Amino acid sequence: MRLQTTIEIFDYWNRIRGTADAPLKSQVEPSAVPHLLQSLFILEMREGRDIRFRLAGTRICDLFGRDLRGERFSSLWAHGQHMDIERTAMGVMDHAMPALFNATGYSTVGHQASFEIVMMPLRSQDGACDRLLGAITPAAAASWLEIVPLEFLALDRSRLLPARFGKTASVEMRPINKIAAGKSARFGQVMRRMVSHLLSAEAR
């Protein structure tokens, strides 16, 4: 985790969750992170485990040249990665463990830019994690990002952020996989294996 926006929102999520695996969605106070709101999003799981944007910051919508509210999260990603991205998001909710993505964004005219994307689970009052708080942040400023919309994101690497291990989680991240644009890999299965490994290590 290298970018300031990612670090700040992850630290905020860690702070409000306290000793719980994930904070309640009612604990998220936009007024606590006003300078980050443009880069934040909230995903929700709908019937059929369909994961869509409930909210998306203006900077994120500007990146893709459209309002993302109600759109499927997987629609932002390269062809062939849609199901794997959804499995990964479901894994974050099912196991209440945040994840970090490194991705490359491709514009409609061939520009490329690197992005850091974090997803963190949120709980409902009944204790179920059915929403995700996240941020999408470009790794470097690029003037074309304000003019030319992104066509899709391609996942380069994803990592679990084992928040239960404490503050070191923000720097001690474990690689899961790498992927080329347009190719598919079973990220959900890999994440479940990694979760099992981390929980077993914690129990020892």
Protein backbone atom coordinates (compact mmCIF):
# COMPACT_ATOMS: atom_id res chain seq x y z
CA MET A 1 0.00 0.00 0.00
CA ARG A 2 1.76 3.13 -1.23
CA LEU A 3 -0.73 5.89 -1.99
CA GLN A 4 -1.83 8.40 0.64
CA THR A 5 -5.55 8.10 -0.14
CA THR A 6 -5.42 4.31 0.22
CA ILE A 7 -3.46 4.48 3.46
CA GLU A 8 -5.76 7.10 4.99
CA ILE A 9 -9.03 5.32 4.22
CA PHE A 10 -7.62 1.98 5.37
CA ASP A 11 -6.42 3.54 8.63
CA TYR A 12 -9.85 5.16 9.09
CA TRP A 13 -11.62 1.82 8.50
CA ASN A 14 -9.23 0.14 10.96
CA ARG A 15 -9.90 2.85 13.55
CA ILE A 16 -13.69 2.72 13.45
CA ARG A 17 -13.89 -1.08 13.47
CA GLY A 18 -12.09 -1.26 16.82
CA THR A 19 -11.82 -4.93 17.81
CA ALA A 20 -14.49 -6.11 15.33
CA ASP A 21 -13.61 -7.80 12.05
CA ALA A 22 -15.44 -5.01 10.21
CA PRO A 23 -17.19 -1.78 11.26
CA LEU A 24 -20.93 -1.23 10.99
CA LYS A 25 -21.89 0.69 7.86
CA SER A 26 -23.60 3.19 10.17
CA GLN A 27 -20.19 3.98 11.69
CA VAL A 28 -18.86 5.44 8.44
CA GLU A 29 -19.03 9.23 8.77
CA PRO A 30 -18.30 11.14 5.53
CA SER A 31 -17.49 14.23 7.59
CA ALA A 32 -14.51 12.37 9.08
CA VAL A 33 -12.79 12.04 5.68
CA PRO A 34 -14.14 14.91 3.54
CA HIS A 35 -10.93 15.23 1.51
CA LEU A 36 -11.21 11.57 0.41
CA LEU A 37 -14.87 11.47 -0.65
CA GLN A 38 -14.23 12.06 -4.35
CA SER A 39 -12.12 8.88 -4.51
CA LEU A 40 -14.36 6.63 -2.40
CA PHE A 41 -17.05 4.14 -3.35
CA ILE A 42 -19.48 1.85 -1.58
CA LEU A 43 -20.54 -1.46 -3.09
CA GLU A 44 -23.57 -3.44 -1.98
CA MET A 45 -24.57 -7.04 -2.48
CA ARG A 46 -28.04 -7.40 -3.96
CA GLU A 47 -30.21 -10.44 -4.45
CA GLY A 48 -28.39 -13.23 -6.23
CA ARG A 49 -25.07 -11.97 -4.82
CA ASP A 50 -25.01 -9.26 -7.47
CA ILE A 51 -22.44 -6.61 -6.45
CA ARG A 52 -23.15 -3.06 -7.59
CA PHE A 53 -22.13 0.51 -6.81
CA ARG A 54 -24.32 2.09 -4.17
CA LEU A 55 -22.21 5.26 -4.24
CA ALA A 56 -19.21 6.42 -6.25
CA GLY A 57 -17.19 9.58 -5.73
CA THR A 58 -17.13 12.22 -8.45
CA ARG A 59 -13.46 11.58 -9.24
CA ILE A 60 -14.18 7.89 -9.86
CA CYS A 61 -17.17 8.68 -12.09
CA ASP A 62 -15.07 11.20 -14.00
CA LEU A 63 -12.39 8.54 -14.60
CA PHE A 64 -14.92 6.38 -16.43
CA GLY A 65 -16.91 9.22 -17.96
CA ARG A 66 -20.26 8.20 -16.43
CA ASP A 67 -22.26 7.93 -13.24
CA LEU A 68 -21.50 4.51 -11.75
CA ARG A 69 -24.35 4.39 -9.23
CA GLY A 70 -26.24 1.12 -9.69
CA GLU A 71 -23.68 -0.29 -12.12
CA ARG A 72 -22.02 -3.66 -11.55
CA PHE A 73 -18.51 -3.40 -10.09
CA SER A 74 -17.32 -6.07 -12.51
CA SER A 75 -18.28 -3.87 -15.48
CA LEU A 76 -15.15 -1.76 -14.89
CA TRP A 77 -12.84 -4.69 -15.54
CA ALA A 78 -11.34 -6.34 -18.60
CA HIS A 79 -13.27 -8.96 -20.48
CA GLY A 80 -12.62 -12.34 -18.90
CA GLN A 81 -12.05 -10.96 -15.40
CA HIS A 82 -15.65 -10.12 -14.48
CA MET A 83 -16.51 -13.31 -12.61
CA ASP A 84 -13.17 -13.42 -10.79
CA ILE A 85 -13.49 -9.82 -9.64
CA GLU A 86 -16.97 -10.56 -8.28
CA ARG A 87 -15.70 -13.67 -6.48
CA THR A 88 -12.94 -11.59 -4.91
CA ALA A 89 -15.39 -8.94 -3.71
CA MET A 90 -17.64 -11.67 -2.30
CA GLY A 91 -14.61 -13.18 -0.55
CA VAL A 92 -13.85 -9.84 1.12
CA MET A 93 -17.41 -9.79 2.49
CA ASP A 94 -17.67 -13.50 3.32
CA HIS A 95 -14.36 -13.57 5.23
CA ALA A 96 -14.47 -9.97 6.53
CA MET A 97 -10.94 -9.37 5.32
CA PRO A 98 -9.95 -6.33 3.19
CA ALA A 99 -8.04 -6.61 -0.07
CA LEU A 100 -5.78 -4.40 -2.16
CA PHE A 101 -5.67 -4.42 -5.96
CA ASN A 102 -2.99 -3.07 -8.25
CA ALA A 103 -4.48 -2.52 -11.68
CA THR A 104 -3.74 -0.88 -15.01
CA GLY A 105 -6.40 1.34 -16.52
CA TYR A 106 -6.74 1.58 -20.30
CA SER A 107 -8.38 4.55 -21.98
CA THR A 108 -10.58 4.51 -25.05
CA VAL A 109 -7.64 5.81 -27.11
CA GLY A 110 -4.91 3.59 -25.71
CA HIS A 111 -3.52 5.54 -22.75
CA GLN A 112 -2.41 3.53 -19.70
CA ALA A 113 -2.27 4.41 -16.00
CA SER A 114 -1.61 2.47 -12.80
CA PHE A 115 -4.16 2.40 -9.99
CA GLU A 116 -4.34 1.26 -6.39
CA ILE A 117 -7.76 -0.03 -5.28
CA VAL A 118 -8.69 -1.03 -1.74
CA MET A 119 -11.87 -2.82 -0.65
CA MET A 120 -12.92 -3.16 3.02
CA PRO A 121 -15.97 -4.96 4.42
CA LEU A 122 -18.83 -3.22 6.23
CA ARG A 123 -21.37 -4.91 8.52
CA SER A 124 -25.13 -4.49 8.78
CA GLN A 125 -26.88 -4.43 12.16
CA ASP A 126 -27.47 -8.19 11.91
CA GLY A 127 -23.71 -8.73 11.74
CA ALA A 128 -23.53 -9.78 8.09
CA CYS A 129 -20.97 -8.11 5.84
CA ASP A 130 -23.00 -7.06 2.80
CA ARG A 131 -21.27 -3.84 1.72
CA LEU A 132 -17.77 -2.75 0.82
CA LEU A 133 -16.06 0.59 1.37
CA GLY A 134 -13.34 1.27 -1.15
CA ALA A 135 -11.14 3.75 -2.96
CA ILE A 136 -9.73 3.97 -6.48
CA THR A 137 -6.61 6.09 -6.76
CA PRO A 138 -4.24 6.70 -9.71
CA ALA A 139 -0.62 6.01 -8.83
CA ALA A 140 0.54 9.18 -10.59
CA ALA A 141 -1.03 12.35 -11.93
CA ALA A 142 -1.78 12.31 -15.65
CA SER A 143 -3.49 15.18 -17.44
CA TRP A 144 -5.29 12.85 -19.87
CA LEU A 145 -7.20 11.24 -16.96
CA GLU A 146 -9.23 14.45 -16.70
CA ILE A 147 -10.15 14.39 -20.38
CA VAL A 148 -10.19 10.84 -21.75
CA PRO A 149 -12.34 8.23 -19.95
CA LEU A 150 -11.06 4.82 -18.98
CA GLU A 151 -12.43 1.93 -20.98
CA PHE A 152 -11.54 -0.79 -18.46
CA LEU A 153 -9.22 -1.87 -15.65
CA ALA A 154 -6.98 -4.94 -15.85
CA LEU A 155 -5.87 -6.58 -12.63
CA ASP A 156 -2.12 -6.88 -12.14
CA ARG A 157 -2.00 -8.15 -8.57
CA SER A 158 -4.31 -8.59 -5.59
CA ARG A 159 -3.38 -8.94 -1.92
CA LEU A 160 -5.15 -9.62 1.33
CA LEU A 161 -4.79 -7.02 4.06
CA PRO A 162 -5.00 -9.08 7.27
CA ALA A 163 -6.34 -6.29 9.47
CA ARG A 164 -6.71 -8.70 12.39
CA PHE A 165 -2.92 -8.69 12.67
CA GLY A 166 -2.88 -5.03 13.64
CA LYS A 167 -1.23 -1.92 12.23
CA THR A 168 1.47 -3.87 10.39
CA ALA A 169 -1.24 -4.97 7.97
CA SER A 170 -0.87 -1.73 6.03
CA VAL A 171 2.71 -2.62 5.07
CA GLU A 172 2.91 -6.40 5.37
CA MET A 173 0.84 -7.50 2.39
CA ARG A 174 0.91 -10.88 0.75
CA PRO A 175 0.79 -11.34 -3.04
CA ILE A 176 -1.96 -13.57 -4.40
CA ASN A 177 -1.70 -13.55 -8.15
CA LYS A 178 -0.83 -11.64 -11.32
CA ILE A 179 -2.91 -11.43 -14.45
CA ALA A 180 -2.54 -10.04 -17.95
CA ALA A 181 -5.33 -7.97 -19.45
CA GLY A 182 -8.15 -10.10 -20.77
CA LYS A 183 -6.98 -13.34 -19.11
CA SER A 184 -8.91 -15.03 -16.32
CA ALA A 185 -7.69 -16.65 -13.08
CA ARG A 186 -9.57 -18.11 -10.13
CA PHE A 187 -8.97 -15.26 -7.66
CA GLY A 188 -11.85 -16.31 -5.42
CA GLN A 189 -10.35 -19.75 -4.86
CA VAL A 190 -6.90 -18.30 -4.27
CA MET A 191 -8.27 -15.78 -1.76
CA ARG A 192 -10.11 -18.51 0.14
CA ARG A 193 -6.91 -20.54 0.36
CA MET A 194 -4.99 -17.48 1.53
CA VAL A 195 -7.64 -16.71 4.15
CA SER A 196 -7.41 -20.28 5.47
CA HIS A 197 -3.63 -19.99 5.60
CA LEU A 198 -3.75 -16.69 7.48
CA LEU A 199 -6.31 -17.94 9.98
CA SER A 200 -4.30 -21.12 10.58
CA ALA A 201 -1.15 -19.08 11.11
CA GLU A 202 -2.98 -16.85 13.59
CA ALA A 203 -4.26 -19.87 15.53
CA ARG A 204 -0.72 -21.23 15.93
